């Protein structure tokens, strides 16, 4: 099942490897030359419940009220009796790769990427283009706007939808579920002509 971007709500609503980025909370980043978001706060791996498919886990919450996550590096959380710590990462390419960051393979697992995008003024009717390997789900400013529930390889800009970035801080929570092997995701914004948006301020904490 593929759920398209929800554009009716008034909430308006990176080829290998990553390296950990040691950053200060006040530091501001930018999208890359093609507009891809490379800076995120990551939490992973979270083992999927026994018997659950990738689709099941995409539509279930691994963290209670996951759409409202507002983490910063160093925050800790207990999941299934295991303590995990949020960390800042910067992708070395246009998609992020959980296994490269973790330096191990992780099958049947879920992970979260969160980024904070700051806008001086409202930016209406942008195209957000996303990709995931395998399943993906996105919350925008607390609103569930997208889910893809089938296993697939990464294909950049696989899915697109319209969003409006509000003036101030916009929060994106991107959950990616891995069934087997590669575990990746990507996101960028495009204008009406299809050109990448590069003048965004990206923060890794509120």
C-alpha atoms as a PDB file:
ATOM      1  CA  UNK A   1       0.000   0.000   0.000  1.00  0.00           C
ATOM      2  CA  UNK A   2       1.251   3.436  -0.870  1.00  0.00           C
ATOM      3  CA  UNK A   3      -0.119   6.466   0.870  1.00  0.00           C
ATOM      4  CA  UNK A   4       0.348   9.703  -1.033  1.00  0.00           C
ATOM      5  CA  UNK A   5       1.285  12.980   0.526  1.00  0.00           C
ATOM      6  CA  UNK A   6      -1.525  14.595   2.449  1.00  0.00           C
ATOM      7  CA  UNK A   7      -1.880  18.120   1.102  1.00  0.00           C
ATOM      8  CA  UNK A   8      -5.279  18.927   2.553  1.00  0.00           C
ATOM      9  CA  UNK A   9      -4.255  19.764   6.104  1.00  0.00           C
ATOM     10  CA  UNK A  10      -3.704  23.329   7.163  1.00  0.00           C
ATOM     11  CA  UNK A  11      -0.535  22.261   9.004  1.00  0.00           C
ATOM     12  CA  UNK A  12       1.041  23.322   5.655  1.00  0.00           C
ATOM     13  CA  UNK A  13       2.133  21.861   6.108  1.00  0.00           C
ATOM     14  CA  UNK A  14      22.129  11.201   1.009  1.00  0.00           C
ATOM     15  CA  UNK A  15      26.492   6.805  -3.141  1.00  0.00           C
ATOM     16  CA  UNK A  16      27.805   5.376   0.098  1.00  0.00           C
ATOM     17  CA  UNK A  17      28.419   6.043   3.698  1.00  0.00           C
ATOM     18  CA  UNK A  18      27.845   8.684   6.249  1.00  0.00           C
ATOM     19  CA  UNK A  19      30.075  10.263   8.770  1.00  0.00           C
ATOM     20  CA  UNK A  20      29.146  11.441  12.197  1.00  0.00           C
ATOM     21  CA  UNK A  21      29.148  15.200  12.441  1.00  0.00           C
ATOM     22  CA  UNK A  22      30.055  16.853  15.708  1.00  0.00           C
ATOM     23  CA  UNK A  23      28.020  20.013  15.746  1.00  0.00           C
ATOM     24  CA  UNK A  24      26.838  22.686  18.095  1.00  0.00           C
ATOM     25  CA  UNK A  25      23.119  23.007  18.609  1.00  0.00           C
ATOM     26  CA  UNK A  26      23.130  26.549  17.233  1.00  0.00           C
ATOM     27  CA  UNK A  27      24.963  25.596  14.037  1.00  0.00           C
ATOM     28  CA  UNK A  28      23.083  26.139  10.792  1.00  0.00           C
ATOM     29  CA  UNK A  29      23.413  23.929   7.708  1.00  0.00           C
ATOM     30  CA  UNK A  30      22.229  24.115   4.113  1.00  0.00           C
ATOM     31  CA  UNK A  31      20.948  21.588   1.572  1.00  0.00           C
ATOM     32  CA  UNK A  32      23.551  20.309  -0.889  1.00  0.00           C
ATOM     33  CA  UNK A  33      23.905  21.570  -4.479  1.00  0.00           C
ATOM     34  CA  UNK A  34      21.002  19.389  -5.613  1.00  0.00           C
ATOM     35  CA  UNK A  35      18.842  20.415  -2.684  1.00  0.00           C
ATOM     36  CA  UNK A  36      19.104  17.186  -0.681  1.00  0.00           C
ATOM     37  CA  UNK A  37      18.968  17.387   3.102  1.00  0.00           C
ATOM     38  CA  UNK A  38      22.172  15.852   4.479  1.00  0.00           C
ATOM     39  CA  UNK A  39      21.975  16.877   8.140  1.00  0.00           C
ATOM     40  CA  UNK A  40      19.778  14.899  10.519  1.00  0.00           C
ATOM     41  CA  UNK A  41      19.384  13.711  14.092  1.00  0.00           C
ATOM     42  CA  UNK A  42      19.305   9.884  13.986  1.00  0.00           C
ATOM     43  CA  UNK A  43      17.966   7.151  16.254  1.00  0.00           C
ATOM     44  CA  UNK A  44      18.606   3.513  15.285  1.00  0.00           C
ATOM     45  CA  UNK A  45      18.454   0.553  15.219  1.00  0.00           C
ATOM     46  CA  UNK A  46      15.087  -0.436  16.651  1.00  0.00           C
ATOM     47  CA  UNK A  47      14.332  -4.143  16.222  1.00  0.00           C
ATOM     48  CA  UNK A  48      10.940  -4.825  14.661  1.00  0.00           C
ATOM     49  CA  UNK A  49       8.468  -6.853  16.713  1.00  0.00           C
ATOM     50  CA  UNK A  50       8.669 -10.566  15.953  1.00  0.00           C
ATOM     51  CA  UNK A  51       6.134 -11.497  13.308  1.00  0.00           C
ATOM     52  CA  UNK A  52       5.557  -7.957  12.078  1.00  0.00           C
ATOM     53  CA  UNK A  53       6.155  -7.233   8.417  1.00  0.00           C
ATOM     54  CA  UNK A  54       7.846  -4.093   7.160  1.00  0.00           C
ATOM     55  CA  UNK A  55       4.447  -2.735   6.226  1.00  0.00           C
ATOM     56  CA  UNK A  56       3.087  -3.463   9.712  1.00  0.00           C
ATOM     57  CA  UNK A  57       5.972  -1.653  11.376  1.00  0.00           C
ATOM     58  CA  UNK A  58       5.726   1.327   9.059  1.00  0.00           C
ATOM     59  CA  UNK A  59       2.164   1.963  10.128  1.00  0.00           C
ATOM     60  CA  UNK A  60       2.766   1.164  13.817  1.00  0.00           C
ATOM     61  CA  UNK A  61       4.559   3.493  16.194  1.00  0.00           C
ATOM     62  CA  UNK A  62       7.962   2.279  17.403  1.00  0.00           C
ATOM     63  CA  UNK A  63       8.013   5.272  19.724  1.00  0.00           C
ATOM     64  CA  UNK A  64       4.851   6.545  21.300  1.00  0.00           C
ATOM     65  CA  UNK A  65       3.590   9.678  19.571  1.00  0.00           C
ATOM     66  CA  UNK A  66       6.444   9.439  17.050  1.00  0.00           C
ATOM     67  CA  UNK A  67       5.126  12.303  14.965  1.00  0.00           C
ATOM     68  CA  UNK A  68       5.767  14.673  17.853  1.00  0.00           C
ATOM     69  CA  UNK A  69       9.451  13.746  18.255  1.00  0.00           C
ATOM     70  CA  UNK A  70      11.659  16.793  18.799  1.00  0.00           C
ATOM     71  CA  UNK A  71      15.089  15.283  19.676  1.00  0.00           C
ATOM     72  CA  UNK A  72      18.590  16.667  19.954  1.00  0.00           C
ATOM     73  CA  UNK A  73      21.945  14.845  20.008  1.00  0.00           C
ATOM     74  CA  UNK A  74      22.539  13.098  23.325  1.00  0.00           C
ATOM     75  CA  UNK A  75      18.892  12.534  24.175  1.00  0.00           C
ATOM     76  CA  UNK A  76      18.314   8.964  25.340  1.00  0.00           C
ATOM     77  CA  UNK A  77      15.277   6.711  25.089  1.00  0.00           C
ATOM     78  CA  UNK A  78      14.407   3.195  26.252  1.00  0.00           C
ATOM     79  CA  UNK A  79      12.871   0.966  23.580  1.00  0.00           C
ATOM     80  CA  UNK A  80      12.219  -2.714  24.217  1.00  0.00           C
ATOM     81  CA  UNK A  81      14.522  -2.722  27.218  1.00  0.00           C
ATOM     82  CA  UNK A  82      17.399  -1.206  25.234  1.00  0.00           C
ATOM     83  CA  UNK A  83      18.723   2.331  25.634  1.00  0.00           C
ATOM     84  CA  UNK A  84      19.331   4.225  22.417  1.00  0.00           C
ATOM     85  CA  UNK A  85      20.871   7.681  21.980  1.00  0.00           C
ATOM     86  CA  UNK A  86      20.029  10.285  19.364  1.00  0.00           C
ATOM     87  CA  UNK A  87      23.087  11.402  17.353  1.00  0.00           C
ATOM     88  CA  UNK A  88      23.810  14.079  14.746  1.00  0.00           C
ATOM     89  CA  UNK A  89      24.825  12.800  11.329  1.00  0.00           C
ATOM     90  CA  UNK A  90      25.837  14.421   8.063  1.00  0.00           C
ATOM     91  CA  UNK A  91      25.476  12.322   4.927  1.00  0.00           C
ATOM     92  CA  UNK A  92      28.491  12.226   2.600  1.00  0.00           C
ATOM     93  CA  UNK A  93      26.211  11.882  -0.384  1.00  0.00           C
ATOM     94  CA  UNK A  94      22.653  12.805  -1.319  1.00  0.00           C
ATOM     95  CA  UNK A  95      21.055  10.041   0.731  1.00  0.00           C
ATOM     96  CA  UNK A  96      21.561   8.872   4.291  1.00  0.00           C
ATOM     97  CA  UNK A  97      22.553   5.282   5.104  1.00  0.00           C
ATOM     98  CA  UNK A  98      21.769   3.848   8.515  1.00  0.00           C
ATOM     99  CA  UNK A  99      24.034   0.799   8.148  1.00  0.00           C
ATOM    100  CA  UNK A 100      26.996   2.981   7.157  1.00  0.00           C
ATOM    101  CA  UNK A 101      26.562   5.117  10.267  1.00  0.00           C
ATOM    102  CA  UNK A 102      26.094   2.107  12.520  1.00  0.00           C
ATOM    103  CA  UNK A 103      28.937   0.209  10.801  1.00  0.00           C
ATOM    104  CA  UNK A 104      26.891  -2.980  10.805  1.00  0.00           C
ATOM    105  CA  UNK A 105      24.085  -4.600   8.883  1.00  0.00           C
ATOM    106  CA  UNK A 106      20.653  -4.318  10.446  1.00  0.00           C
ATOM    107  CA  UNK A 107      17.817  -6.387   9.052  1.00  0.00           C
ATOM    108  CA  UNK A 108      14.239  -6.168  10.323  1.00  0.00           C
ATOM    109  CA  UNK A 109      14.850  -2.804  11.947  1.00  0.00           C
ATOM    110  CA  UNK A 110      13.413   0.692  12.056  1.00  0.00           C
ATOM    111  CA  UNK A 111      15.139   4.023  12.451  1.00  0.00           C
ATOM    112  CA  UNK A 112      14.279   7.699  12.690  1.00  0.00           C
ATOM    113  CA  UNK A 113      15.792  10.789  11.092  1.00  0.00           C
ATOM    114  CA  UNK A 114      14.659  14.222  12.279  1.00  0.00           C
ATOM    115  CA  UNK A 115      15.569  17.607  10.844  1.00  0.00           C
ATOM    116  CA  UNK A 116      14.502  21.156  11.651  1.00  0.00           C
ATOM    117  CA  UNK A 117      14.076  23.537   8.712  1.00  0.00           C
ATOM    118  CA  UNK A 118      13.912  27.232   9.503  1.00  0.00           C
ATOM    119  CA  UNK A 119      12.291  29.713   7.123  1.00  0.00           C
ATOM    120  CA  UNK A 120      12.216  33.491   7.441  1.00  0.00           C
ATOM    121  CA  UNK A 121       8.981  33.642   5.448  1.00  0.00           C
ATOM    122  CA  UNK A 122       6.323  31.179   4.426  1.00  0.00           C
ATOM    123  CA  UNK A 123       7.314  29.113   1.358  1.00  0.00           C
ATOM    124  CA  UNK A 124       4.100  27.854  -0.258  1.00  0.00           C
ATOM    125  CA  UNK A 125       3.507  25.009  -2.669  1.00  0.00           C
ATOM    126  CA  UNK A 126       6.949  23.436  -2.648  1.00  0.00           C
ATOM    127  CA  UNK A 127       7.466  19.922  -3.933  1.00  0.00           C
ATOM    128  CA  UNK A 128       8.990  17.560  -1.395  1.00  0.00           C
ATOM    129  CA  UNK A 129      10.677  14.571  -3.075  1.00  0.00           C
ATOM    130  CA  UNK A 130      11.497  11.524  -0.965  1.00  0.00           C
ATOM    131  CA  UNK A 131      12.932   8.019  -1.286  1.00  0.00           C
ATOM    132  CA  UNK A 132      13.347   5.096   1.081  1.00  0.00           C
ATOM    133  CA  UNK A 133      14.831   1.605   1.251  1.00  0.00           C
ATOM    134  CA  UNK A 134      12.689  -0.100   2.319  1.00  0.00           C
ATOM    135  CA  UNK A 135       9.507   1.465   3.726  1.00  0.00           C
ATOM    136  CA  UNK A 136       9.158   5.095   4.775  1.00  0.00           C
ATOM    137  CA  UNK A 137       6.853   7.344   6.743  1.00  0.00           C
ATOM    138  CA  UNK A 138       7.025  11.122   7.203  1.00  0.00           C
ATOM    139  CA  UNK A 139       5.489  13.465   9.744  1.00  0.00           C
ATOM    140  CA  UNK A 140       5.557  17.194   8.997  1.00  0.00           C
ATOM    141  CA  UNK A 141       5.016  19.537  11.918  1.00  0.00           C
ATOM    142  CA  UNK A 142       3.325  16.693  13.753  1.00  0.00           C
ATOM    143  CA  UNK A 143       1.043  15.714  10.852  1.00  0.00           C
ATOM    144  CA  UNK A 144       1.254  12.280   9.215  1.00  0.00           C
ATOM    145  CA  UNK A 145       1.671  13.246   5.534  1.00  0.00           C
ATOM    146  CA  UNK A 146       3.201  10.199   3.826  1.00  0.00           C
ATOM    147  CA  UNK A 147       3.722   6.451   4.046  1.00  0.00           C
ATOM    148  CA  UNK A 148       5.146   3.899   1.630  1.00  0.00           C
ATOM    149  CA  UNK A 149       4.623   0.337   2.841  1.00  0.00           C
ATOM    150  CA  UNK A 150       6.277  -1.885   0.219  1.00  0.00           C
ATOM    151  CA  UNK A 151       9.851  -3.217   0.143  1.00  0.00           C
ATOM    152  CA  UNK A 152      11.953  -1.455  -2.503  1.00  0.00           C
ATOM    153  CA  UNK A 153      15.493  -0.335  -3.415  1.00  0.00           C
ATOM    154  CA  UNK A 154      16.416   3.311  -3.094  1.00  0.00           C
ATOM    155  CA  UNK A 155      15.378   5.426  -6.065  1.00  0.00           C
ATOM    156  CA  UNK A 156      15.912   9.147  -5.557  1.00  0.00           C
ATOM    157  CA  UNK A 157      12.801  11.317  -5.809  1.00  0.00           C
ATOM    158  CA  UNK A 158      10.607   8.211  -6.023  1.00  0.00           C
ATOM    159  CA  UNK A 159       7.630   9.976  -4.429  1.00  0.00           C
ATOM    160  CA  UNK A 160       6.610  13.626  -4.523  1.00  0.00           C
ATOM    161  CA  UNK A 161       4.000  15.810  -2.900  1.00  0.00           C
ATOM    162  CA  UNK A 162       3.193  19.443  -2.161  1.00  0.00           C
ATOM    163  CA  UNK A 163       3.905  21.144   1.147  1.00  0.00           C
ATOM    164  CA  UNK A 164       4.054  24.678   2.446  1.00  0.00           C
ATOM    165  CA  UNK A 165       6.898  25.512   4.812  1.00  0.00           C
ATOM    166  CA  UNK A 166       5.694  27.939   7.437  1.00  0.00           C
ATOM    167  CA  UNK A 167       7.681  30.913   8.683  1.00  0.00           C
ATOM    168  CA  UNK A 168       9.789  29.725  11.619  1.00  0.00           C
ATOM    169  CA  UNK A 169      10.791  26.142  12.410  1.00  0.00           C
ATOM    170  CA  UNK A 170       9.404  23.211  10.433  1.00  0.00           C
ATOM    171  CA  UNK A 171       9.957  19.715  11.829  1.00  0.00           C
ATOM    172  CA  UNK A 172      10.311  16.614   9.656  1.00  0.00           C
ATOM    173  CA  UNK A 173      10.326  13.161  11.239  1.00  0.00           C
ATOM    174  CA  UNK A 174      11.345  10.541   8.658  1.00  0.00           C
ATOM    175  CA  UNK A 175      10.961   6.918   9.751  1.00  0.00           C
ATOM    176  CA  UNK A 176      12.604   4.264   7.542  1.00  0.00           C
ATOM    177  CA  UNK A 177      12.008   0.532   7.980  1.00  0.00           C
ATOM    178  CA  UNK A 178      14.513  -2.036   6.683  1.00  0.00           C
ATOM    179  CA  UNK A 179      13.504  -5.572   5.847  1.00  0.00           C
ATOM    180  CA  UNK A 180      16.829  -6.861   4.460  1.00  0.00           C
ATOM    181  CA  UNK A 181      20.196  -5.493   3.330  1.00  0.00           C
ATOM    182  CA  UNK A 182      20.424  -1.768   2.450  1.00  0.00           C
ATOM    183  CA  UNK A 183      18.713   0.781   4.698  1.00  0.00           C
ATOM    184  CA  UNK A 184      18.563   4.296   3.288  1.00  0.00           C
ATOM    185  CA  UNK A 185      16.503   7.409   2.663  1.00  0.00           C
ATOM    186  CA  UNK A 186      16.600  10.815   0.992  1.00  0.00           C
ATOM    187  CA  UNK A 187      14.603  14.038   0.926  1.00  0.00           C
ATOM    188  CA  UNK A 188      14.775  17.381  -0.886  1.00  0.00           C
ATOM    189  CA  UNK A 189      12.577  20.322  -1.880  1.00  0.00           C
ATOM    190  CA  UNK A 190      11.897  21.658  -5.380  1.00  0.00           C
ATOM    191  CA  UNK A 191      10.271  24.860  -6.620  1.00  0.00           C
ATOM    192  CA  UNK A 192       7.443  25.105  -9.168  1.00  0.00           C
ATOM    193  CA  UNK A 193       9.911  24.796 -12.061  1.00  0.00           C
ATOM    194  CA  UNK A 194      11.477  21.664 -10.550  1.00  0.00           C
ATOM    195  CA  UNK A 195      14.668  23.434  -9.477  1.00  0.00           C
ATOM    196  CA  UNK A 196      16.139  22.437  -6.098  1.00  0.00           C
ATOM    197  CA  UNK A 197      15.582  24.724  -3.117  1.00  0.00           C
ATOM    198  CA  UNK A 198      18.997  25.516  -1.604  1.00  0.00           C
ATOM    199  CA  UNK A 199      18.347  28.592   0.535  1.00  0.00           C
ATOM    200  CA  UNK A 200      16.969  26.726   3.551  1.00  0.00           C
ATOM    201  CA  UNK A 201      18.388  26.873   7.047  1.00  0.00           C
ATOM    202  CA  UNK A 202      18.749  23.427   8.594  1.00  0.00           C
ATOM    203  CA  UNK A 203      19.165  22.986  12.339  1.00  0.00           C
ATOM    204  CA  UNK A 204      19.670  19.877  14.454  1.00  0.00           C
ATOM    205  CA  UNK A 205      17.812  21.052  17.535  1.00  0.00           C
ATOM    206  CA  UNK A 206      15.122  23.505  18.462  1.00  0.00           C
END
